[in-house]
Amino acid sequence: MTRRHRPLFLTATGLVSAIGHGAEATVAALRRRRSGLRPCDFAGVTQGHVGRVDGVETHALPAALARFDCRTHRLADLALRSDGFAAAVAAARARYGAARIAVVVGTSTSGILSGEEAYRNRDPATGALPGWFDYEHTHDMAALARYVSEALGLGGPSFAISTACASSAKAFAEAEMLIAAGLADAAVVGGADSLCRMTLRGFAALELISPVPARPCAADRAGLSVGEAAGFALLEPVGAGVALLGSGASSDGYHMSAPHPEGEGAAAAMRRALAAAGLAPEDIDYVNLHGTGTPANDATEDKAVVAVFGTGTPCSSTKGWTGHTLGAAGVLEALISALCIREGLLPGCLDLAAPDPALRARVLTDNATVPVRRVVSNSFGFGGINCSLVLGVA
């Protein structure tokens, strides 16, 4: 195969999730097999378990950006401040110029929690929303992109993608195209989603919330655990180490909330990502599954993985650690995949003695320490949105 795009190196990263702030805390949790899930205690919702990030309530945004204050942007700010990410972007800004660095982020709900709070505090007589509610800078779908651009002092193309749970994976693909088209020299990609009533109660209404911590690929899996997270990567055409080698997307449009039963769209996304990277299925060392823990998702993704890779490529889901972080899942799991390459670590599914015998892919149940050069990271969303990323050592 011939690679369609040149590699884009992840020259800096920053992330925060329920298993910790930054790369080292994340690796430590993966190695120790310590989940970040706990009984739900958010906004009066007590059903199931959640991946809640510590420290969000007390974190303050910079004073000059106070108008952006909401839980999602606090998560984003924590990620921007982790692992020297903001400083690395400042150095890149000096090299390229602020106008030549794009910002492409993904989110499924943006700052909807602020909208929920505003609605609950509307004027009882008139129904008017409280004066403190700033829709443009919190709830609006583009608010996260505006916040990241202002926080990092960037002036290049800037926009947000909301394609459900594939949002921040699709951000990598869109940034790749911006750079290939010459519209930017580098890009900050990523995303953020916070816990909110809509997702917690919405997934409960769909009967998709597991009563126990999510156990992807288990025979008795009973649903997902919602999480929150934020993550960012600086993509540059020159660098060393882990790079984005290719991306692939599809939209099968089978059903608003159910995957195609044969995983056709998911398989198409993986094949397109491999083609973009100029790689064959046997070149991939590990597949980070979307793996939500719902019966339908895990079964159909298994069919797609087997159709593309056969039954020998190791795969697992890391949502047993973090929960399903929705619009942030793509970037979080891409960065976890990058850490797997850096550390030579394959994280087996948590709390799983053996995978569902109906699944045919090679699902890992224990961690393995082996050389890892190339990983496919999958993110699939409601409405048939599918995105796969190939990460590896260029």
Protein backbone atom coordinates (compact mmCIF):
# COMPACT_ATOMS: atom_id res chain seq x y z
CA MET A 1 0.00 0.00 0.00
CA THR A 2 1.01 3.63 -0.52
CA ARG A 3 0.55 6.14 2.29
CA ARG A 4 -1.84 8.95 1.33
CA HIS A 5 -0.63 11.53 3.86
CA ARG A 6 2.68 12.17 5.56
CA PRO A 7 2.82 11.29 9.26
CA LEU A 8 1.87 13.95 11.79
CA PHE A 9 3.82 13.62 15.02
CA LEU A 10 2.18 14.01 18.43
CA THR A 11 4.89 16.36 19.68
CA ALA A 12 3.01 17.22 22.88
CA THR A 13 -0.04 15.87 24.67
CA GLY A 14 -2.19 16.70 27.66
CA LEU A 15 -5.01 14.67 29.16
CA VAL A 16 -7.20 14.28 32.20
CA SER A 17 -9.69 11.54 33.02
CA ALA A 18 -11.07 9.60 35.97
CA ILE A 19 -7.78 7.66 36.25
CA GLY A 20 -5.66 10.76 36.68
CA HIS A 21 -4.19 14.01 35.46
CA GLY A 22 -1.46 13.58 32.86
CA ALA A 23 0.36 10.76 31.14
CA GLU A 24 2.23 9.29 34.10
CA ALA A 25 -0.88 8.96 36.25
CA THR A 26 -2.68 7.36 33.31
CA VAL A 27 0.10 4.82 32.72
CA ALA A 28 0.26 4.02 36.43
CA ALA A 29 -3.48 3.28 36.54
CA LEU A 30 -3.25 1.08 33.45
CA ARG A 31 -0.31 -0.87 34.84
CA ARG A 32 -1.90 -1.30 38.27
CA ARG A 33 -5.25 -2.15 36.66
CA ARG A 34 -6.92 0.48 38.83
CA SER A 35 -10.29 1.65 37.54
CA GLY A 36 -11.49 5.22 37.96
CA LEU A 37 -15.16 4.22 38.03
CA ARG A 38 -17.23 4.81 41.15
CA PRO A 39 -20.93 4.82 42.08
CA CYS A 40 -22.69 7.72 40.39
CA ASP A 41 -22.96 10.73 42.67
CA PHE A 42 -23.51 13.51 40.16
CA ALA A 43 -26.29 16.10 40.06
CA GLY A 44 -28.73 13.95 41.98
CA VAL A 45 -28.29 10.94 39.66
CA THR A 46 -27.42 7.72 41.47
CA GLN A 47 -27.87 5.08 38.77
CA GLY A 48 -24.82 3.10 37.68
CA HIS A 49 -21.18 4.14 37.91
CA VAL A 50 -19.30 7.10 36.46
CA GLY A 51 -15.76 8.10 35.59
CA ARG A 52 -15.67 11.42 37.46
CA VAL A 53 -12.55 13.63 37.35
CA ASP A 54 -11.31 14.90 40.70
CA GLY A 55 -10.63 18.59 41.19
CA VAL A 56 -12.96 20.02 38.55
CA GLU A 57 -15.21 21.80 41.03
CA THR A 58 -12.33 23.79 42.56
CA HIS A 59 -10.40 24.49 39.36
CA ALA A 60 -10.49 28.11 38.18
CA LEU A 61 -10.04 29.31 34.61
CA PRO A 62 -7.69 32.24 33.99
CA ALA A 63 -9.38 35.49 35.04
CA ALA A 64 -9.29 36.87 31.51
CA LEU A 65 -11.31 33.87 30.31
CA ALA A 66 -13.82 33.75 33.15
CA ARG A 67 -16.74 34.21 30.75
CA PHE A 68 -16.02 30.67 29.46
CA ASP A 69 -16.43 29.09 32.89
CA CYS A 70 -18.25 25.76 32.77
CA ARG A 71 -17.42 22.19 33.73
CA THR A 72 -16.36 21.20 30.21
CA HIS A 73 -13.93 24.11 29.89
CA ARG A 74 -12.50 23.41 33.33
CA LEU A 75 -11.74 19.87 32.17
CA ALA A 76 -10.19 21.28 29.00
CA ASP A 77 -8.08 23.72 30.98
CA LEU A 78 -6.81 20.96 33.26
CA ALA A 79 -5.71 19.01 30.17
CA LEU A 80 -4.07 22.07 28.59
CA ARG A 81 -2.06 22.56 31.79
CA SER A 82 -0.90 18.93 32.04
CA ASP A 83 2.45 17.55 30.89
CA GLY A 84 3.74 20.93 29.71
CA PHE A 85 1.26 21.01 26.85
CA ALA A 86 0.54 24.74 26.85
CA ALA A 87 4.26 25.55 26.94
CA ALA A 88 4.88 23.25 23.98
CA VAL A 89 2.15 25.00 22.00
CA ALA A 90 3.66 28.39 22.89
CA ALA A 91 6.98 27.21 21.45
CA ALA A 92 5.21 26.01 18.30
CA ARG A 93 3.43 29.34 18.04
CA ALA A 94 6.81 31.06 17.99
CA ARG A 95 7.96 28.75 15.18
CA TYR A 96 4.91 28.82 12.93
CA GLY A 97 3.03 31.96 13.93
CA ALA A 98 -0.33 31.95 15.74
CA ALA A 99 -2.31 32.12 12.50
CA ARG A 100 -0.73 28.92 11.14
CA ILE A 101 -1.80 26.60 13.99
CA ALA A 102 -5.32 25.23 13.69
CA VAL A 103 -7.57 24.21 16.56
CA VAL A 104 -9.92 21.29 15.88
CA VAL A 105 -11.83 19.86 18.82
CA GLY A 106 -14.66 17.42 19.37
CA THR A 107 -17.47 17.43 21.91
CA SER A 108 -20.89 15.81 22.05
CA THR A 109 -22.58 18.07 24.60
CA SER A 110 -20.28 21.10 25.00
CA GLY A 111 -21.23 23.05 28.14
CA ILE A 112 -24.79 21.76 28.32
CA LEU A 113 -24.48 21.38 32.10
CA SER A 114 -24.47 25.20 32.32
CA GLY A 115 -27.63 25.27 30.22
CA GLU A 116 -29.22 22.72 32.52
CA GLU A 117 -28.36 24.82 35.57
CA ALA A 118 -29.69 27.96 33.89
CA TYR A 119 -32.96 26.27 33.02
CA ARG A 120 -33.39 25.02 36.58
CA ASN A 121 -32.88 28.59 37.82
CA ARG A 122 -35.10 30.42 35.34
CA ASP A 123 -37.44 33.13 36.60
CA PRO A 124 -40.59 31.40 37.92
CA ALA A 125 -42.83 34.22 36.69
CA THR A 126 -41.40 34.96 33.23
CA GLY A 127 -39.37 31.87 32.45
CA ALA A 128 -36.39 34.09 31.67
CA LEU A 129 -32.98 32.50 32.05
CA PRO A 130 -30.69 33.97 34.74
CA GLY A 131 -28.44 36.86 33.78
CA TRP A 132 -25.28 34.93 34.62
CA PHE A 133 -25.89 32.38 31.83
CA ASP A 134 -23.55 33.03 28.88
CA TYR A 135 -24.73 30.68 26.14
CA GLU A 136 -22.14 31.78 23.57
CA HIS A 137 -19.16 31.04 25.79
CA THR A 138 -20.41 27.89 27.52
CA HIS A 139 -23.28 25.94 25.97
CA ASP A 140 -22.72 26.81 22.30
CA MET A 141 -21.15 23.91 20.39
CA ALA A 142 -18.29 26.11 19.17
CA ALA A 143 -17.45 27.40 22.66
CA LEU A 144 -14.78 24.75 23.32
CA ALA A 145 -12.86 25.66 20.16
CA ARG A 146 -13.06 29.34 21.08
CA TYR A 147 -11.80 28.61 24.57
CA VAL A 148 -8.83 26.52 23.42
CA SER A 149 -7.85 29.11 20.79
CA GLU A 150 -7.96 31.99 23.28
CA ALA A 151 -6.28 30.05 26.08
CA LEU A 152 -3.38 29.12 23.80
CA GLY A 153 -3.22 32.41 21.89
CA LEU A 154 -3.86 30.81 18.52
CA GLY A 155 -5.42 32.45 15.46
CA GLY A 156 -5.56 29.72 12.82
CA PRO A 157 -8.66 27.86 11.61
CA SER A 158 -10.71 26.93 14.66
CA PHE A 159 -13.85 24.82 14.90
CA ALA A 160 -15.63 22.14 16.87
CA ILE A 161 -16.94 18.81 15.60
CA SER A 162 -19.96 17.12 17.15
CA THR A 163 -20.38 13.67 15.65
CA ALA A 164 -21.47 11.96 18.85
CA CYS A 165 -18.90 9.61 20.37
CA ALA A 166 -16.61 9.84 17.34
CA SER A 167 -16.22 13.62 17.71
CA SER A 168 -12.65 13.98 18.96
CA ALA A 169 -11.35 11.13 16.79
CA LYS A 170 -12.79 12.94 13.78
CA ALA A 171 -10.90 16.05 14.96
CA PHE A 172 -7.63 14.24 14.12
CA ALA A 173 -8.89 13.46 10.62
CA GLU A 174 -10.05 17.03 9.96
CA ALA A 175 -6.77 18.51 11.21
CA GLU A 176 -4.88 16.09 8.97
CA MET A 177 -6.79 17.45 5.98
CA LEU A 178 -6.20 21.09 6.97
CA ILE A 179 -2.45 20.52 7.09
CA ALA A 180 -2.43 18.49 3.86
CA ALA A 181 -4.35 21.31 2.12
CA GLY A 182 -1.83 23.91 3.29
CA LEU A 183 -4.35 25.76 5.44
CA ALA A 184 -2.28 25.19 8.58
CA ASP A 185 1.27 24.13 9.42
CA ALA A 186 0.35 22.42 12.69
CA ALA A 187 -2.78 21.75 14.70
CA VAL A 188 -4.03 21.40 18.25
CA VAL A 189 -6.54 18.56 18.21
CA GLY A 190 -8.59 17.05 20.98
CA GLY A 191 -11.84 17.37 22.81
CA ALA A 192 -13.72 17.43 26.07
CA ASP A 193 -17.03 16.29 27.50
CA SER A 194 -18.28 16.58 31.05
CA LEU A 195 -20.80 14.70 33.07
CA CYS A 196 -24.26 16.22 32.80
CA ARG A 197 -27.85 15.27 33.51
CA MET A 198 -28.78 14.82 29.85
CA THR A 199 -26.27 12.05 29.15
CA LEU A 200 -26.72 10.30 32.49
CA ARG A 201 -30.51 10.28 32.29
CA GLY A 202 -30.56 9.85 28.52
CA PHE A 203 -28.51 6.66 28.50
CA ALA A 204 -30.57 5.43 31.45
CA ALA A 205 -33.75 6.02 29.42
CA LEU A 206 -32.21 3.94 26.62
CA GLU A 207 -31.56 1.21 29.21
CA LEU A 208 -27.83 1.32 28.41
CA ILE A 209 -26.43 2.09 31.89
CA SER A 210 -24.73 -0.85 33.56
CA PRO A 211 -25.67 -1.37 37.24
CA VAL A 212 -22.05 -2.42 37.89
CA PRO A 213 -18.84 -0.88 36.51
CA ALA A 214 -18.81 -1.39 32.74
CA ARG A 215 -17.20 -4.66 31.65
CA PRO A 216 -16.63 -4.50 27.89
CA CYS A 217 -16.47 -7.86 26.11
CA ALA A 218 -17.88 -9.80 29.08
CA ALA A 219 -20.55 -12.41 28.43
CA ASP A 220 -22.76 -10.77 31.05
CA ARG A 221 -22.00 -7.18 30.05
CA ALA A 222 -24.96 -5.01 30.89
CA GLY A 223 -24.20 -1.58 29.48
CA LEU A 224 -21.87 1.36 29.77
CA SER A 225 -20.57 3.65 32.50
CA VAL A 226 -20.53 7.33 31.55
CA GLY A 227 -17.28 9.21 32.10
CA GLU A 228 -15.82 12.66 31.55
CA ALA A 229 -12.42 13.64 30.18
CA ALA A 230 -10.41 16.07 28.12
CA GLY A 231 -7.34 15.57 25.98
CA PHE A 232 -5.25 17.39 23.41
CA ALA A 233 -2.37 16.70 21.07
CA LEU A 234 -0.13 19.00 19.08
CA LEU A 235 0.22 17.59 15.57
CA GLU A 236 3.31 18.61 13.59
CA PRO A 237 4.77 17.30 10.32
CA VAL A 238 8.26 17.14 11.85
CA GLY A 239 9.11 15.30 15.04
CA ALA A 240 9.94 11.92 16.51
CA GLY A 241 8.16 9.13 18.32
CA VAL A 242 4.45 8.44 17.96
CA ALA A 243 2.65 9.87 14.95
CA LEU A 244 -0.78 9.86 13.38
CA LEU A 245 -0.17 7.62 10.39
CA GLY A 246 -3.66 7.66 8.92
CA SER A 247 -7.36 8.07 9.61
CA GLY A 248 -10.53 6.65 8.17
CA ALA A 249 -14.19 7.53 8.57
CA SER A 250 -17.57 6.29 7.43
CA SER A 251 -21.23 6.96 8.05
CA ASP A 252 -23.41 3.92 7.61
CA GLY A 253 -26.60 5.67 8.76
CA TYR A 254 -28.14 2.35 9.81
CA HIS A 255 -29.97 3.56 12.95
CA MET A 256 -29.93 6.58 15.25
CA SER A 257 -28.73 4.66 18.29
CA ALA A 258 -27.83 1.13 17.17
CA PRO A 259 -24.78 0.04 15.16
CA HIS A 260 -25.08 -1.84 11.89
CA PRO A 261 -25.56 -5.48 12.95
CA GLU A 262 -22.68 -6.68 10.76
CA GLY A 263 -20.38 -3.76 11.63
CA GLU A 264 -20.09 -2.70 7.99
CA GLY A 265 -19.46 0.99 8.70
CA ALA A 266 -16.93 0.21 11.42
CA ALA A 267 -15.03 -2.14 9.12
CA ALA A 268 -15.03 0.49 6.36
CA ALA A 269 -13.51 3.08 8.72
CA MET A 270 -10.72 0.70 9.76
CA ARG A 271 -9.94 -0.27 6.16
CA ARG A 272 -9.80 3.39 5.10
CA ALA A 273 -7.49 4.24 7.99
CA LEU A 274 -5.13 1.41 7.02
CA ALA A 275 -5.18 2.53 3.39
CA ALA A 276 -4.41 6.12 4.38
CA ALA A 277 -1.46 4.89 6.45
CA GLY A 278 -0.24 2.61 3.67
CA LEU A 279 -0.44 -0.40 5.98
CA ALA A 280 -1.88 -3.89 5.84
CA PRO A 281 -3.91 -5.46 8.69
CA GLU A 282 -0.94 -7.62 9.70
CA ASP A 283 1.09 -4.45 10.38
CA ILE A 284 -1.11 -3.58 13.38
CA ASP A 285 -0.03 -4.77 16.82
CA TYR A 286 -3.13 -3.81 18.82
CA VAL A 287 -6.68 -2.53 18.35
CA ASN A 288 -8.08 -0.20 21.02
CA LEU A 289 -11.75 -1.05 20.74
CA HIS A 290 -14.58 1.44 21.01
CA GLY A 291 -15.86 -1.27 23.36
CA THR A 292 -18.62 0.46 25.32
CA GLY A 293 -19.82 -2.62 27.17
CA THR A 294 -23.30 -2.67 25.65
CA PRO A 295 -24.34 -6.03 24.19
CA ALA A 296 -24.93 -4.69 20.67
CA ASN A 297 -21.82 -2.48 20.39
CA ASP A 298 -19.31 -5.09 21.48
CA ALA A 299 -20.86 -7.81 19.30
CA THR A 300 -20.95 -5.74 16.12
CA GLU A 301 -17.48 -4.27 16.65
CA ASP A 302 -16.19 -7.81 17.09
CA LYS A 303 -17.59 -8.72 13.67
CA ALA A 304 -15.95 -5.66 12.14
CA VAL A 305 -12.56 -6.33 13.73
CA VAL A 306 -12.59 -9.97 12.63
CA ALA A 307 -13.59 -8.94 9.10
CA VAL A 308 -10.57 -6.63 8.87
CA PHE A 309 -7.91 -8.27 11.06
CA GLY A 310 -8.99 -11.86 11.52
CA THR A 311 -8.81 -13.48 14.94
CA GLY A 312 -5.14 -13.00 15.82
CA THR A 313 -4.65 -9.26 16.48
CA PRO A 314 -4.79 -8.38 20.20
CA CYS A 315 -7.58 -5.99 21.15
CA SER A 316 -9.26 -4.61 24.25
CA SER A 317 -11.32 -1.71 25.55
CA THR A 318 -10.00 0.76 28.13
CA LYS A 319 -13.47 2.05 29.05
CA GLY A 320 -13.40 -0.15 32.14
CA TRP A 321 -10.83 2.34 33.47
CA THR A 322 -12.31 5.66 32.35
CA GLY A 323 -15.94 5.04 31.50
CA HIS A 324 -17.33 6.09 28.15
CA THR A 325 -16.27 9.73 27.84
CA LEU A 326 -18.50 10.34 24.81
CA GLY A 327 -17.17 13.19 22.66
CA ALA A 328 -13.81 12.99 24.45
CA ALA A 329 -13.45 9.23 23.96
CA GLY A 330 -11.67 9.53 20.61
CA VAL A 331 -8.83 11.70 21.84
CA LEU A 332 -8.57 10.02 25.24
CA GLU A 333 -8.22 6.58 23.71
CA ALA A 334 -5.90 7.83 20.96
CA LEU A 335 -3.61 9.23 23.66
CA ILE A 336 -3.87 6.00 25.66
CA SER A 337 -2.91 4.16 22.45
CA ALA A 338 0.09 6.45 22.07
CA LEU A 339 1.10 5.63 25.64
CA CYS A 340 0.75 1.91 24.86
CA ILE A 341 3.26 2.38 22.04
CA ARG A 342 5.62 4.40 24.23
CA GLU A 343 5.43 1.95 27.13
CA GLY A 344 5.18 -1.35 25.21
CA LEU A 345 1.94 -2.05 27.07
CA LEU A 346 -1.22 -3.86 26.02
CA PRO A 347 -3.98 -3.23 28.62
CA GLY A 348 -6.31 -6.19 28.93
CA CYS A 349 -9.98 -5.53 29.69
CA LEU A 350 -10.60 -4.96 33.40
CA ASP A 351 -12.44 -7.39 35.67
CA LEU A 352 -12.76 -9.95 32.91
CA ALA A 353 -11.74 -13.54 33.59
CA ALA A 354 -12.65 -14.56 30.05
CA PRO A 355 -14.30 -12.75 27.14
CA ASP A 356 -17.75 -13.54 25.85
CA PRO A 357 -17.32 -16.88 24.00
CA ALA A 358 -19.51 -15.50 21.21
CA LEU A 359 -16.79 -12.97 20.37
CA ARG A 360 -14.21 -14.19 17.88
CA ALA A 361 -11.54 -11.46 18.11
CA ARG A 362 -8.51 -11.94 20.36
CA VAL A 363 -9.72 -10.00 23.40
CA LEU A 364 -7.05 -9.51 26.07
CA THR A 365 -8.01 -10.05 29.71
CA ASP A 366 -4.60 -9.37 31.27
CA ASN A 367 -1.94 -6.76 30.62
CA ALA A 368 0.97 -7.73 28.39
CA THR A 369 4.36 -6.07 28.04
CA VAL A 370 5.46 -6.40 24.41
CA PRO A 371 6.86 -4.12 21.71
CA VAL A 372 4.02 -2.08 20.21
CA ARG A 373 4.69 -0.14 17.01
CA ARG A 374 1.28 0.47 15.45
CA VAL A 375 -2.21 0.71 16.93
CA VAL A 376 -5.70 1.22 15.51
CA SER A 377 -7.97 3.22 17.82
CA ASN A 378 -11.72 3.00 17.13
CA SER A 379 -14.46 5.50 17.92
CA PHE A 380 -18.05 4.94 16.83
CA GLY A 381 -21.05 7.17 17.52
CA PHE A 382 -24.82 7.34 17.37
CA GLY A 383 -26.19 7.85 13.88
CA GLY A 384 -23.65 5.52 12.31
CA ILE A 385 -20.62 7.83 12.61
CA ASN A 386 -17.40 5.79 12.60
CA CYS A 387 -13.78 6.92 12.82
CA SER A 388 -10.57 4.90 13.13
CA LEU A 389 -7.07 6.27 13.70
CA VAL A 390 -3.76 4.56 13.03
CA LEU A 391 -1.03 5.64 15.43
CA GLY A 392 2.52 4.38 15.37
CA VAL A 393 6.22 5.00 15.17
CA ALA A 394 6.83 6.60 11.78
